[in-house]
Protein backbone atom coordinates (compact mmCIF):
# COMPACT_ATOMS: atom_id res chain seq x y z
CA MET A 1 -12.37 69.17 91.03
CA ASP A 2 -14.38 68.85 87.90
CA THR A 3 -15.82 65.59 88.00
CA ARG A 4 -17.09 65.53 84.43
CA PRO A 5 -15.45 63.51 81.86
CA LYS A 6 -13.26 64.88 79.44
CA PRO A 7 -14.76 65.13 75.94
CA ASN A 8 -13.26 62.39 73.85
CA LEU A 9 -11.12 64.10 71.02
CA ALA A 10 -10.50 61.05 68.97
CA ALA A 11 -14.17 60.28 68.91
CA ARG A 12 -14.83 64.00 67.75
CA LYS A 13 -12.51 63.69 65.05
CA ALA A 14 -13.87 60.61 63.55
CA LEU A 15 -17.38 61.99 64.02
CA PHE A 16 -16.26 65.25 62.16
CA VAL A 17 -14.46 62.93 59.17
CA PHE A 18 -17.59 60.70 58.95
CA LEU A 19 -20.27 63.14 58.25
CA LEU A 20 -17.66 65.01 56.04
CA LEU A 21 -17.43 61.55 54.03
CA VAL A 22 -21.61 61.96 53.91
CA ILE A 23 -21.54 65.32 53.11
CA CYS A 24 -19.30 64.48 50.06
CA ILE A 25 -20.95 61.36 49.01
CA VAL A 26 -24.35 63.06 48.64
CA VAL A 27 -22.85 66.07 46.66
CA GLY A 28 -21.21 63.82 44.75
CA TYR A 29 -24.42 61.56 43.74
CA SER A 30 -26.40 64.50 43.29
CA ILE A 31 -24.03 66.03 40.64
CA PHE A 32 -23.78 62.49 39.41
CA ASP A 33 -27.65 62.00 38.86
CA GLN A 34 -28.26 65.46 36.80
CA HIS A 35 -26.55 64.11 34.07
CA ARG A 36 -27.45 60.33 33.84
CA PRO A 37 -28.98 60.24 30.75
CA TRP A 38 -33.20 59.29 30.90
CA VAL A 39 -33.14 55.59 30.10
CA VAL A 40 -36.45 54.91 28.52
CA PRO A 41 -37.41 51.29 28.28
CA PRO A 42 -37.70 49.90 24.39
CA GLU A 43 -41.42 49.21 25.35
CA TYR A 44 -42.57 52.19 25.83
CA LYS A 45 -40.53 54.33 22.81
CA SER A 46 -42.20 52.17 20.59
CA LEU A 47 -45.23 53.38 21.44
CA LYS A 48 -47.79 55.63 18.94
CA ASN A 49 -50.23 57.74 20.69
CA PRO A 50 -53.49 57.00 20.19
CA LEU A 51 -54.86 60.23 20.19
CA GLN A 52 -55.15 63.27 17.35
CA ALA A 53 -54.23 66.74 17.66
CA THR A 54 -57.68 67.84 17.77
CA ASP A 55 -58.27 71.12 19.00
CA SER A 56 -60.46 69.50 22.02
CA ASN A 57 -57.73 67.29 23.22
CA LEU A 58 -55.48 70.54 22.73
CA LYS A 59 -57.62 72.05 25.06
CA ALA A 60 -57.80 69.57 27.71
CA ALA A 61 -54.17 69.05 27.76
CA ALA A 62 -53.63 73.40 28.03
CA GLN A 63 -55.57 72.86 31.17
CA VAL A 64 -53.42 69.92 32.84
CA TYR A 65 -50.19 71.78 31.40
CA ARG A 66 -51.14 74.75 33.07
CA ASP A 67 -52.28 73.25 36.38
CA GLU A 68 -49.08 70.33 36.69
CA CYS A 69 -46.44 71.74 34.16
CA ALA A 70 -46.13 75.75 33.87
CA GLN A 71 -44.85 76.64 37.02
CA CYS A 72 -41.37 74.58 36.09
CA HIS A 73 -41.44 74.32 32.27
CA GLY A 74 -43.37 78.06 31.05
CA VAL A 75 -45.80 78.76 29.89
CA THR A 76 -44.61 78.18 26.01
CA GLY A 77 -42.43 74.98 27.22
CA LYS A 78 -39.19 77.01 27.47
CA GLY A 79 -38.26 75.79 30.94
CA ASP A 80 -38.37 79.16 32.16
CA GLY A 81 -41.33 78.53 34.55
CA PRO A 82 -41.25 80.88 37.99
CA GLU A 83 -39.91 77.77 39.62
CA SER A 84 -37.63 76.84 37.28
CA ARG A 85 -34.62 78.44 38.71
CA THR A 86 -35.33 76.07 42.14
CA HIS A 87 -34.84 72.82 40.10
CA SER A 88 -31.64 71.19 39.59
CA PRO A 89 -31.43 69.91 36.87
CA ALA A 90 -33.79 72.32 35.35
CA PRO A 91 -36.89 71.55 33.41
CA ALA A 92 -36.40 70.68 30.03
CA ASP A 93 -36.71 73.26 27.11
CA LEU A 94 -39.92 71.68 25.61
CA THR A 95 -39.46 73.79 22.60
CA ASP A 96 -35.75 72.52 21.37
CA VAL A 97 -36.76 71.19 18.03
CA VAL A 98 -33.57 68.90 17.86
CA ARG A 99 -34.02 67.35 21.48
CA MET A 100 -38.01 66.77 20.84
CA ASN A 101 -37.31 65.60 17.25
CA GLY A 102 -34.98 62.80 18.98
CA VAL A 103 -37.50 61.50 21.17
CA THR A 104 -40.49 59.65 20.52
CA ASP A 105 -44.24 60.02 21.65
CA GLY A 106 -43.97 56.98 23.87
CA GLU A 107 -40.60 58.31 25.28
CA ILE A 108 -42.68 61.64 26.02
CA PHE A 109 -45.34 59.78 27.59
CA TYR A 110 -43.17 57.24 29.85
CA GLN A 111 -41.25 60.38 30.88
CA ILE A 112 -44.40 62.68 31.86
CA THR A 113 -46.13 59.15 33.68
CA THR A 114 -42.92 58.18 35.55
CA GLY A 115 -40.89 61.51 36.21
CA ARG A 116 -37.24 61.86 37.83
CA ARG A 117 -36.24 64.36 40.17
CA PRO A 118 -37.43 66.77 40.29
CA MET A 119 -40.01 66.09 38.00
CA PRO A 120 -42.85 64.16 39.83
CA PRO A 121 -44.78 60.97 38.19
CA PHE A 122 -47.91 62.04 36.72
CA LYS A 123 -48.77 58.16 36.76
CA ASN A 124 -51.42 58.48 39.76
CA ARG A 125 -52.06 62.22 39.61
CA ILE A 126 -53.84 61.93 36.11
CA THR A 127 -55.40 59.62 33.63
CA GLU A 128 -53.68 58.06 31.21
CA GLU A 129 -55.64 60.14 28.11
CA GLN A 130 -54.50 63.03 29.86
CA ARG A 131 -51.10 62.06 29.72
CA TRP A 132 -51.59 61.36 26.04
CA GLN A 133 -53.15 64.74 25.39
CA LEU A 134 -50.31 66.19 27.32
CA THR A 135 -47.46 64.22 24.76
CA LEU A 136 -49.67 66.06 21.83
CA LEU A 137 -49.51 69.42 23.59
CA VAL A 138 -45.42 68.77 24.58
CA ARG A 139 -45.01 67.61 21.14
CA SER A 140 -46.62 70.85 19.64
CA PHE A 141 -44.52 72.94 21.69
CA SER A 142 -41.39 72.37 19.07
CA GLN A 143 -43.37 72.12 16.18
CA LYS A 144 -44.54 75.62 15.64
CA THR A 145 -43.54 78.71 13.69
CA VAL A 146 -43.31 82.37 14.05
CA GLU A 147 -46.76 82.08 11.96
CA THR A 148 -48.43 79.40 14.08
CA ASP A 149 -47.32 80.42 17.04
CA LYS A 150 -49.93 78.89 19.58
CA ASN A 151 -50.16 79.92 23.35
CA PRO A 152 -51.36 76.73 25.43
CA GLU A 153 -53.80 78.58 27.23
CA GLU A 154 -55.95 79.17 23.68
CA PRO A 155 -54.65 76.41 21.45
CA GLY A 156 -55.77 76.69 17.75
CA GLU A 157 -55.49 80.45 17.98
CA LYS A 158 -53.11 82.23 16.30
CA GLN A 159 -51.14 84.98 18.44
CA PRO A 160 -50.10 88.20 17.06
CA SER A 161 -46.33 88.63 16.11
CA HIS A 162 -44.23 91.37 18.41
């Protein structure tokens, strides 16, 4: 005769329901989290960039951008970097004129500083000056025209039109 205890069917069902509930909560939160607005505190919205868009500031920002941002946001800021497809929500298109005209330099600085999943915070990864330089570069992506299109690899140099 078998002396092992028989598995309690009611306990297994309860465990299954509990795991299903946890999965639903995680998926629901993930979907909700993707679509919530990026709330920037008022004190950041009014910040003005203390740096000017000089070639030296843009070149310094381009180096940081290549190292820290291009893999997701793409070389030209379109949000089409090689890792962009693996992220949800997708990286922002920094060339979107309407979107970028709707945010202040202080808001861009705040977003770079604090990050938001999947984008990491850069407060402790790069200096404050580098974050302001990146703000200049990010802003420049939406201010380009076909004649003045600039590659972040070489700020200030015109690229040939195709």
